[in-house]
Amino acid sequence: MAQSRAHRRTTGKLERFSEAAMRWTGTDAAFAIALVIVVVWAMLGPVFRLSDTWQLTINTGTTIVTFLMVFLIQRSQNKESLAIHLKLNEIVAALHGASNRLIEAERFSEKDLETLQKHYKELAQLAREEEDVTESHSVEEARERHSTKHDQEKRRAS
């Protein structure tokens, strides 16, 4: 039990650090600092007679930063992907008439996904043949959907 608490504390610290690093590296300040480093490095080139050591300095620095950023970016994408999948799963589960088989569709084989894609392509083709966009997505339909949803929420609250 103590080990799991220590693991959670470590994981929490690592998660907070990686999230803060990802947020910061996407800022204007981070870009400006990187730009200043490159400009200073380039200006120092003649001072060091464009030596191998001068070139190795920037190569080593960029290699280390790139190596670490790959893991930070992947972690961020994994978390965002999971959040998106959870939101989509919630939508599928909540929609009347939606197939619950699509919950966690990201775990399906590629063959299964291609089969489902054919199904939805066929639905899209049928929709194109039946009606144009203004008939299927009109202002009136938007108002009707809003009203229906509002009424359902009122009933649930009662």
N, C-alpha and C. Protein backbone atom coordinates (compact mmCIF):
# COMPACT_ATOMS: atom_id res chain seq x y z
N MET A 1 0.82 -1.19 0.00
CA MET A 1 0.00 0.00 0.00
C MET A 1 0.87 1.26 0.00
N ALA A 2 1.91 1.26 0.84
CA ALA A 2 2.80 2.42 0.88
C ALA A 2 3.50 2.59 -0.46
N GLN A 3 3.81 1.45 -1.09
CA GLN A 3 4.47 1.53 -2.39
C GLN A 3 3.55 2.17 -3.42
N SER A 4 2.27 1.84 -3.39
CA SER A 4 1.35 2.42 -4.37
C SER A 4 1.18 3.92 -4.13
N ARG A 5 1.18 4.35 -2.86
CA ARG A 5 1.10 5.78 -2.58
C ARG A 5 2.33 6.52 -3.09
N ALA A 6 3.50 5.92 -2.87
CA ALA A 6 4.74 6.52 -3.36
C ALA A 6 4.72 6.58 -4.88
N HIS A 7 4.21 5.53 -5.50
CA HIS A 7 4.11 5.49 -6.96
C HIS A 7 3.18 6.60 -7.45
N ARG A 8 2.04 6.78 -6.77
CA ARG A 8 1.10 7.84 -7.16
C ARG A 8 1.73 9.22 -7.02
N ARG A 9 2.50 9.43 -5.91
CA ARG A 9 3.16 10.73 -5.72
C ARG A 9 4.16 10.98 -6.84
N THR A 10 4.95 9.95 -7.16
CA THR A 10 5.95 10.10 -8.23
C THR A 10 5.26 10.33 -9.56
N THR A 11 4.24 9.53 -9.85
CA THR A 11 3.50 9.68 -11.11
C THR A 11 2.86 11.05 -11.17
N GLY A 12 2.30 11.50 -10.07
CA GLY A 12 1.68 12.82 -10.04
C GLY A 12 2.68 13.92 -10.32
N LYS A 13 3.86 13.82 -9.72
CA LYS A 13 4.90 14.83 -9.95
C LYS A 13 5.36 14.79 -11.40
N LEU A 14 5.58 13.59 -11.93
CA LEU A 14 6.01 13.47 -13.33
C LEU A 14 4.94 14.01 -14.27
N GLU A 15 3.69 13.71 -13.96
CA GLU A 15 2.59 14.18 -14.80
C GLU A 15 2.50 15.70 -14.77
N ARG A 16 2.59 16.28 -13.57
CA ARG A 16 2.53 17.74 -13.46
C ARG A 16 3.70 18.39 -14.19
N PHE A 17 4.90 17.80 -14.03
CA PHE A 17 6.08 18.35 -14.70
C PHE A 17 5.92 18.28 -16.21
N SER A 18 5.50 17.13 -16.73
CA SER A 18 5.39 16.99 -18.18
C SER A 18 4.30 17.89 -18.75
N GLU A 19 3.19 18.05 -18.03
CA GLU A 19 2.13 18.96 -18.50
C GLU A 19 2.62 20.41 -18.51
N ALA A 20 3.34 20.79 -17.46
CA ALA A 20 3.86 22.16 -17.40
C ALA A 20 4.88 22.38 -18.52
N ALA A 21 5.73 21.39 -18.75
CA ALA A 21 6.73 21.51 -19.82
C ALA A 21 6.06 21.61 -21.18
N MET A 22 5.02 20.82 -21.41
CA MET A 22 4.32 20.88 -22.69
C MET A 22 3.63 22.23 -22.88
N ARG A 23 3.00 22.73 -21.83
CA ARG A 23 2.35 24.04 -21.94
C ARG A 23 3.39 25.12 -22.23
N TRP A 24 4.53 25.07 -21.50
CA TRP A 24 5.53 26.11 -21.65
C TRP A 24 6.19 26.05 -23.03
N THR A 25 6.50 24.85 -23.52
CA THR A 25 7.21 24.76 -24.80
C THR A 25 6.36 25.25 -25.97
N GLY A 26 5.08 25.37 -25.77
CA GLY A 26 4.21 25.89 -26.82
C GLY A 26 3.99 27.39 -26.75
N THR A 27 4.72 28.07 -25.90
CA THR A 27 4.51 29.51 -25.73
C THR A 27 5.43 30.33 -26.62
N ASP A 28 5.08 31.60 -26.77
CA ASP A 28 5.94 32.53 -27.51
C ASP A 28 7.29 32.68 -26.82
N ALA A 29 7.28 32.68 -25.49
CA ALA A 29 8.53 32.84 -24.74
C ALA A 29 9.50 31.69 -25.03
N ALA A 30 8.99 30.48 -25.09
CA ALA A 30 9.86 29.33 -25.38
C ALA A 30 10.46 29.45 -26.77
N PHE A 31 9.64 29.86 -27.73
CA PHE A 31 10.16 30.04 -29.09
C PHE A 31 11.21 31.14 -29.12
N ALA A 32 10.93 32.23 -28.42
CA ALA A 32 11.88 33.36 -28.40
C ALA A 32 13.21 32.93 -27.79
N ILE A 33 13.16 32.16 -26.71
CA ILE A 33 14.40 31.69 -26.07
C ILE A 33 15.17 30.79 -27.03
N ALA A 34 14.48 29.88 -27.70
CA ALA A 34 15.14 28.99 -28.66
C ALA A 34 15.77 29.80 -29.79
N LEU A 35 15.05 30.81 -30.26
CA LEU A 35 15.57 31.66 -31.33
C LEU A 35 16.82 32.42 -30.87
N VAL A 36 16.78 32.96 -29.66
CA VAL A 36 17.93 33.68 -29.12
C VAL A 36 19.14 32.74 -29.01
N ILE A 37 18.92 31.53 -28.55
CA ILE A 37 20.02 30.55 -28.43
C ILE A 37 20.66 30.30 -29.79
N VAL A 38 19.83 30.10 -30.80
CA VAL A 38 20.36 29.83 -32.15
C VAL A 38 21.10 31.05 -32.70
N VAL A 39 20.54 32.24 -32.49
CA VAL A 39 21.20 33.46 -32.99
C VAL A 39 22.54 33.67 -32.28
N VAL A 40 22.56 33.51 -30.96
CA VAL A 40 23.82 33.66 -30.21
C VAL A 40 24.83 32.62 -30.68
N TRP A 41 24.39 31.39 -30.86
CA TRP A 41 25.28 30.33 -31.35
C TRP A 41 25.85 30.71 -32.72
N ALA A 42 25.00 31.19 -33.61
CA ALA A 42 25.46 31.57 -34.96
C ALA A 42 26.45 32.73 -34.89
N MET A 43 26.19 33.69 -34.01
CA MET A 43 27.08 34.85 -33.90
C MET A 43 28.44 34.44 -33.31
N LEU A 44 28.45 33.41 -32.48
CA LEU A 44 29.71 32.95 -31.88
C LEU A 44 30.53 32.09 -32.84
N GLY A 45 29.94 31.73 -33.96
CA GLY A 45 30.64 30.91 -34.94
C GLY A 45 32.00 31.46 -35.34
N PRO A 46 32.07 32.72 -35.78
CA PRO A 46 33.37 33.29 -36.17
C PRO A 46 34.36 33.36 -35.00
N VAL A 47 33.85 33.60 -33.78
CA VAL A 47 34.72 33.66 -32.61
C VAL A 47 35.43 32.32 -32.42
N PHE A 48 34.70 31.23 -32.62
CA PHE A 48 35.27 29.89 -32.47
C PHE A 48 35.77 29.32 -33.80
N ARG A 49 35.91 30.20 -34.79
CA ARG A 49 36.41 29.85 -36.12
C ARG A 49 35.62 28.69 -36.74
N LEU A 50 34.31 28.69 -36.47
CA LEU A 50 33.40 27.67 -37.01
C LEU A 50 33.95 26.26 -36.79
N SER A 51 34.49 26.05 -35.61
CA SER A 51 35.16 24.78 -35.28
C SER A 51 34.18 23.64 -35.12
N ASP A 52 34.73 22.45 -35.07
CA ASP A 52 33.91 21.26 -34.85
C ASP A 52 33.22 21.32 -33.48
N THR A 53 33.91 21.84 -32.49
CA THR A 53 33.33 21.97 -31.15
C THR A 53 32.14 22.91 -31.18
N TRP A 54 32.27 24.01 -31.90
CA TRP A 54 31.17 24.98 -32.04
C TRP A 54 29.96 24.30 -32.67
N GLN A 55 30.16 23.52 -33.72
CA GLN A 55 29.05 22.81 -34.38
C GLN A 55 28.49 21.72 -33.48
N LEU A 56 29.38 21.02 -32.78
CA LEU A 56 28.95 19.93 -31.91
C LEU A 56 28.07 20.44 -30.77
N THR A 57 28.32 21.66 -30.32
CA THR A 57 27.53 22.25 -29.23
C THR A 57 26.05 22.32 -29.61
N ILE A 58 25.74 22.88 -30.77
CA ILE A 58 24.34 23.01 -31.17
C ILE A 58 23.75 21.66 -31.52
N ASN A 59 24.56 20.80 -32.16
CA ASN A 59 24.06 19.47 -32.52
C ASN A 59 23.68 18.66 -31.28
N THR A 60 24.54 18.69 -30.27
CA THR A 60 24.28 17.96 -29.04
C THR A 60 23.05 18.53 -28.33
N GLY A 61 22.99 19.84 -28.23
CA GLY A 61 21.85 20.48 -27.56
C GLY A 61 20.53 20.16 -28.24
N THR A 62 20.50 20.29 -29.56
CA THR A 62 19.23 20.01 -30.27
C THR A 62 18.87 18.53 -30.22
N THR A 63 19.87 17.66 -30.23
CA THR A 63 19.59 16.22 -30.14
C THR A 63 18.95 15.89 -28.79
N ILE A 64 19.50 16.42 -27.73
CA ILE A 64 18.96 16.15 -26.39
C ILE A 64 17.54 16.70 -26.26
N VAL A 65 17.34 17.94 -26.69
CA VAL A 65 16.01 18.55 -26.60
C VAL A 65 15.01 17.77 -27.44
N THR A 66 15.39 17.39 -28.65
CA THR A 66 14.50 16.63 -29.53
C THR A 66 14.14 15.29 -28.91
N PHE A 67 15.13 14.61 -28.37
CA PHE A 67 14.91 13.30 -27.73
C PHE A 67 13.89 13.42 -26.60
N LEU A 68 14.06 14.41 -25.74
CA LEU A 68 13.14 14.59 -24.62
C LEU A 68 11.75 15.03 -25.09
N MET A 69 11.70 15.90 -26.08
CA MET A 69 10.41 16.40 -26.57
C MET A 69 9.58 15.30 -27.21
N VAL A 70 10.22 14.33 -27.85
CA VAL A 70 9.48 13.21 -28.44
C VAL A 70 8.62 12.54 -27.37
N PHE A 71 9.19 12.31 -26.20
CA PHE A 71 8.45 11.64 -25.13
C PHE A 71 7.37 12.55 -24.54
N LEU A 72 7.68 13.83 -24.38
CA LEU A 72 6.67 14.75 -23.87
C LEU A 72 5.49 14.87 -24.84
N ILE A 73 5.79 14.99 -26.12
CA ILE A 73 4.72 15.12 -27.12
C ILE A 73 3.88 13.85 -27.17
N GLN A 74 4.54 12.69 -27.13
CA GLN A 74 3.79 11.43 -27.18
C GLN A 74 2.90 11.29 -25.95
N ARG A 75 3.42 11.65 -24.79
CA ARG A 75 2.60 11.57 -23.57
C ARG A 75 1.39 12.48 -23.68
N SER A 76 1.61 13.68 -24.17
CA SER A 76 0.51 14.64 -24.33
C SER A 76 -0.52 14.11 -25.33
N GLN A 77 -0.06 13.57 -26.45
CA GLN A 77 -0.98 13.03 -27.45
C GLN A 77 -1.75 11.84 -26.91
N ASN A 78 -1.09 10.98 -26.15
CA ASN A 78 -1.78 9.83 -25.55
C ASN A 78 -2.91 10.30 -24.64
N LYS A 79 -2.62 11.29 -23.81
CA LYS A 79 -3.62 11.79 -22.87
C LYS A 79 -4.78 12.46 -23.61
N GLU A 80 -4.45 13.29 -24.60
CA GLU A 80 -5.50 13.96 -25.38
C GLU A 80 -6.34 12.96 -26.16
N SER A 81 -5.69 11.96 -26.72
CA SER A 81 -6.40 10.93 -27.47
C SER A 81 -7.36 10.18 -26.55
N LEU A 82 -6.90 9.82 -25.36
CA LEU A 82 -7.76 9.13 -24.40
C LEU A 82 -8.96 10.00 -24.03
N ALA A 83 -8.73 11.28 -23.78
CA ALA A 83 -9.83 12.19 -23.43
C ALA A 83 -10.83 12.30 -24.57
N ILE A 84 -10.35 12.39 -25.80
CA ILE A 84 -11.26 12.48 -26.95
C ILE A 84 -12.07 11.19 -27.08
N HIS A 85 -11.41 10.05 -26.92
CA HIS A 85 -12.12 8.77 -27.02
C HIS A 85 -13.19 8.66 -25.93
N LEU A 86 -12.86 9.10 -24.72
CA LEU A 86 -13.85 9.06 -23.64
C LEU A 86 -15.04 9.95 -23.96
N LYS A 87 -14.78 11.13 -24.50
CA LYS A 87 -15.88 12.03 -24.86
C LYS A 87 -16.74 11.43 -25.96
N LEU A 88 -16.09 10.86 -26.97
CA LEU A 88 -16.85 10.22 -28.06
C LEU A 88 -17.64 9.02 -27.54
N ASN A 89 -17.02 8.23 -26.65
CA ASN A 89 -17.74 7.10 -26.07
C ASN A 89 -18.98 7.57 -25.31
N GLU A 90 -18.84 8.67 -24.59
CA GLU A 90 -19.98 9.23 -23.85
C GLU A 90 -21.08 9.65 -24.82
N ILE A 91 -20.71 10.27 -25.92
CA ILE A 91 -21.70 10.70 -26.91
C ILE A 91 -22.41 9.49 -27.50
N VAL A 92 -21.64 8.48 -27.90
CA VAL A 92 -22.24 7.27 -28.48
C VAL A 92 -23.17 6.61 -27.47
N ALA A 93 -22.73 6.51 -26.22
CA ALA A 93 -23.55 5.87 -25.20
C ALA A 93 -24.82 6.66 -24.92
N ALA A 94 -24.76 7.98 -25.03
CA ALA A 94 -25.90 8.82 -24.69
C ALA A 94 -26.91 8.97 -25.83
N LEU A 95 -26.46 8.81 -27.07
CA LEU A 95 -27.35 9.03 -28.20
C LEU A 95 -28.30 7.86 -28.40
N HIS A 96 -29.56 8.17 -28.44
CA HIS A 96 -30.57 7.16 -28.73
C HIS A 96 -30.41 6.76 -30.20
N GLY A 97 -30.35 5.48 -30.44
CA GLY A 97 -30.21 5.00 -31.81
C GLY A 97 -28.78 4.79 -32.24
N ALA A 98 -27.82 5.29 -31.47
CA ALA A 98 -26.41 5.06 -31.81
C ALA A 98 -26.01 3.66 -31.37
N SER A 99 -25.13 3.05 -32.11
CA SER A 99 -24.69 1.69 -31.81
C SER A 99 -23.65 1.69 -30.70
N ASN A 100 -23.96 1.00 -29.61
CA ASN A 100 -23.00 0.89 -28.51
C ASN A 100 -21.79 0.05 -28.91
N ARG A 101 -21.89 -0.66 -30.03
CA ARG A 101 -20.73 -1.44 -30.51
C ARG A 101 -19.58 -0.51 -30.86
N LEU A 102 -19.87 0.76 -31.12
CA LEU A 102 -18.81 1.70 -31.50
C LEU A 102 -18.05 2.25 -30.30
N ILE A 103 -18.53 1.97 -29.11
CA ILE A 103 -17.79 2.40 -27.93
C ILE A 103 -16.47 1.64 -27.94
N GLU A 104 -15.40 2.36 -27.79
CA GLU A 104 -14.04 1.82 -27.86
C GLU A 104 -13.73 1.22 -29.23
N ALA A 105 -14.22 1.86 -30.27
CA ALA A 105 -13.94 1.41 -31.64
C ALA A 105 -12.45 1.47 -31.96
N GLU A 106 -11.70 2.28 -31.22
CA GLU A 106 -10.26 2.37 -31.46
C GLU A 106 -9.55 1.04 -31.19
N ARG A 107 -10.22 0.12 -30.52
CA ARG A 107 -9.62 -1.19 -30.24
C ARG A 107 -9.97 -2.22 -31.32
N PHE A 108 -10.79 -1.85 -32.29
CA PHE A 108 -11.17 -2.78 -33.36
C PHE A 108 -9.98 -3.05 -34.27
N SER A 109 -10.05 -4.18 -34.96
CA SER A 109 -9.01 -4.47 -35.95
C SER A 109 -9.19 -3.54 -37.15
N GLU A 110 -8.16 -3.43 -37.95
CA GLU A 110 -8.23 -2.56 -39.13
C GLU A 110 -9.32 -3.06 -40.08
N LYS A 111 -9.47 -4.37 -40.19
CA LYS A 111 -10.50 -4.95 -41.07
C LYS A 111 -11.90 -4.56 -40.58
N ASP A 112 -12.12 -4.65 -39.27
CA ASP A 112 -13.42 -4.26 -38.70
C ASP A 112 -13.70 -2.78 -38.94
N LEU A 113 -12.68 -1.95 -38.78
CA LEU A 113 -12.85 -0.51 -39.01
C LEU A 113 -13.19 -0.22 -40.47
N GLU A 114 -12.55 -0.94 -41.38
CA GLU A 114 -12.85 -0.75 -42.81
C GLU A 114 -14.29 -1.17 -43.12
N THR A 115 -14.76 -2.24 -42.48
CA THR A 115 -16.15 -2.67 -42.66
C THR A 115 -17.11 -1.59 -42.18
N LEU A 116 -16.84 -1.04 -41.01
CA LEU A 116 -17.68 0.04 -40.48
C LEU A 116 -17.62 1.27 -41.38
N GLN A 117 -16.44 1.57 -41.90
CA GLN A 117 -16.29 2.72 -42.78
C GLN A 117 -17.16 2.56 -44.03
N LYS A 118 -17.21 1.36 -44.58
CA LYS A 118 -18.06 1.10 -45.75
C LYS A 118 -19.52 1.37 -45.40
N HIS A 119 -19.93 0.94 -44.20
CA HIS A 119 -21.31 1.16 -43.73
C HIS A 119 -21.63 2.66 -43.71
N TYR A 120 -20.73 3.45 -43.12
CA TYR A 120 -21.00 4.89 -43.00
C TYR A 120 -20.86 5.62 -44.33
N LYS A 121 -20.00 5.12 -45.20
CA LYS A 121 -19.93 5.70 -46.55
C LYS A 121 -21.25 5.48 -47.28
N GLU A 122 -21.81 4.29 -47.11
CA GLU A 122 -23.10 3.99 -47.74
C GLU A 122 -24.19 4.90 -47.18
N LEU A 123 -24.20 5.10 -45.87
CA LEU A 123 -25.18 6.01 -45.26
C LEU A 123 -25.01 7.43 -45.81
N ALA A 124 -23.77 7.88 -45.94
CA ALA A 124 -23.52 9.22 -46.47
C ALA A 124 -24.00 9.33 -47.91
N GLN A 125 -23.76 8.30 -48.70
CA GLN A 125 -24.20 8.31 -50.09
C GLN A 125 -25.73 8.37 -50.17
N LEU A 126 -26.40 7.57 -49.34
CA LEU A 126 -27.86 7.58 -49.32
C LEU A 126 -28.38 8.96 -48.92
N ALA A 127 -27.73 9.59 -47.95
CA ALA A 127 -28.16 10.92 -47.51
C ALA A 127 -27.98 11.94 -48.63
N ARG A 128 -26.88 11.84 -49.37
CA ARG A 128 -26.65 12.77 -50.49
C ARG A 128 -27.71 12.59 -51.57
N GLU A 129 -28.10 11.36 -51.80
CA GLU A 129 -29.09 11.09 -52.84
C GLU A 129 -30.49 11.55 -52.43
N GLU A 130 -30.79 11.48 -51.14
CA GLU A 130 -32.14 11.79 -50.66
C GLU A 130 -32.43 13.28 -50.55
N GLU A 131 -31.51 14.03 -50.01
CA GLU A 131 -31.82 15.44 -49.74
C GLU A 131 -30.57 16.29 -49.73
N ASP A 132 -30.76 17.58 -49.92
CA ASP A 132 -29.60 18.47 -49.89
C ASP A 132 -29.36 18.97 -48.46
N VAL A 133 -28.25 19.62 -48.25
CA VAL A 133 -27.85 20.04 -46.92
C VAL A 133 -28.85 21.00 -46.28
N THR A 134 -29.45 21.87 -47.07
CA THR A 134 -30.37 22.85 -46.48
C THR A 134 -31.63 22.18 -45.96
N GLU A 135 -31.98 21.03 -46.53
CA GLU A 135 -33.16 20.33 -46.02
C GLU A 135 -32.84 19.55 -44.75
N SER A 136 -31.63 19.00 -44.67
CA SER A 136 -31.29 18.18 -43.52
C SER A 136 -30.70 18.97 -42.36
N HIS A 137 -30.25 20.19 -42.61
CA HIS A 137 -29.66 21.01 -41.55
C HIS A 137 -30.20 22.43 -41.66
N SER A 138 -31.47 22.57 -41.46
CA SER A 138 -32.11 23.88 -41.56
C SER A 138 -32.15 24.56 -40.20
N VAL A 139 -32.45 25.84 -40.21
CA VAL A 139 -32.61 26.60 -38.97
C VAL A 139 -33.77 26.03 -38.18
N GLU A 140 -34.82 25.65 -38.89
CA GLU A 140 -35.99 25.09 -38.21
C GLU A 140 -35.62 23.80 -37.48
N GLU A 141 -34.81 22.96 -38.14
CA GLU A 141 -34.40 21.72 -37.51
C GLU A 141 -33.55 22.00 -36.27
N ALA A 142 -32.69 23.00 -36.34
CA ALA A 142 -31.86 23.37 -35.19
C ALA A 142 -32.74 23.80 -34.02
N ARG A 143 -33.76 24.60 -34.31
CA ARG A 143 -34.67 25.05 -33.25
C ARG A 143 -35.43 23.86 -32.66
N GLU A 144 -35.86 22.96 -33.53
CA GLU A 144 -36.59 21.78 -33.06
C GLU A 144 -35.70 20.90 -32.18
N ARG A 145 -34.46 20.70 -32.59
CA ARG A 145 -33.53 19.91 -31.77
C ARG A 145 -33.29 20.57 -30.42
N HIS A 146 -33.11 21.89 -30.43
CA HIS A 146 -32.89 22.62 -29.19
C HIS A 146 -34.09 22.46 -28.27
N SER A 147 -35.27 22.63 -28.83
CA SER A 147 -36.49 22.52 -28.04
C SER A 147 -36.64 21.12 -27.45
N THR A 148 -36.40 20.11 -28.26
CA THR A 148 -36.51 18.73 -27.79
C THR A 148 -35.52 18.47 -26.67
N LYS A 149 -34.29 18.90 -26.85
CA LYS A 149 -33.26 18.69 -25.84
C LYS A 149 -33.61 19.45 -24.56
N HIS A 150 -34.09 20.67 -24.70
CA HIS A 150 -34.46 21.48 -23.55
C HIS A 150 -35.60 20.81 -22.77
N ASP A 151 -36.59 20.29 -23.49
CA ASP A 151 -37.71 19.61 -22.84
C ASP A 151 -37.24 18.36 -22.11
N GLN A 152 -36.33 17.61 -22.71
CA GLN A 152 -35.81 16.40 -22.06
C GLN A 152 -35.06 16.75 -20.78
N GLU A 153 -34.29 17.83 -20.81
CA GLU A 153 -33.54 18.24 -19.62
C GLU A 153 -34.49 18.69 -18.52
N LYS A 154 -35.57 19.35 -18.88
CA LYS A 154 -36.57 19.77 -17.89
C LYS A 154 -37.20 18.56 -17.22
N ARG A 155 -37.54 17.54 -18.07
CA ARG A 155 -38.16 16.33 -17.51
C ARG A 155 -37.21 15.61 -16.57
N ARG A 156 -35.93 15.55 -16.92
CA ARG A 156 -34.95 14.89 -16.06
C ARG A 156 -34.79 15.63 -14.74
N ALA A 157 -34.84 16.95 -14.79
CA ALA A 157 -34.66 17.76 -13.59
C ALA A 157 -35.86 17.63 -12.64
N SER A 158 -37.02 17.31 -13.20
CA SER A 158 -38.23 17.23 -12.37
C SER A 158 -38.28 15.96 -11.56
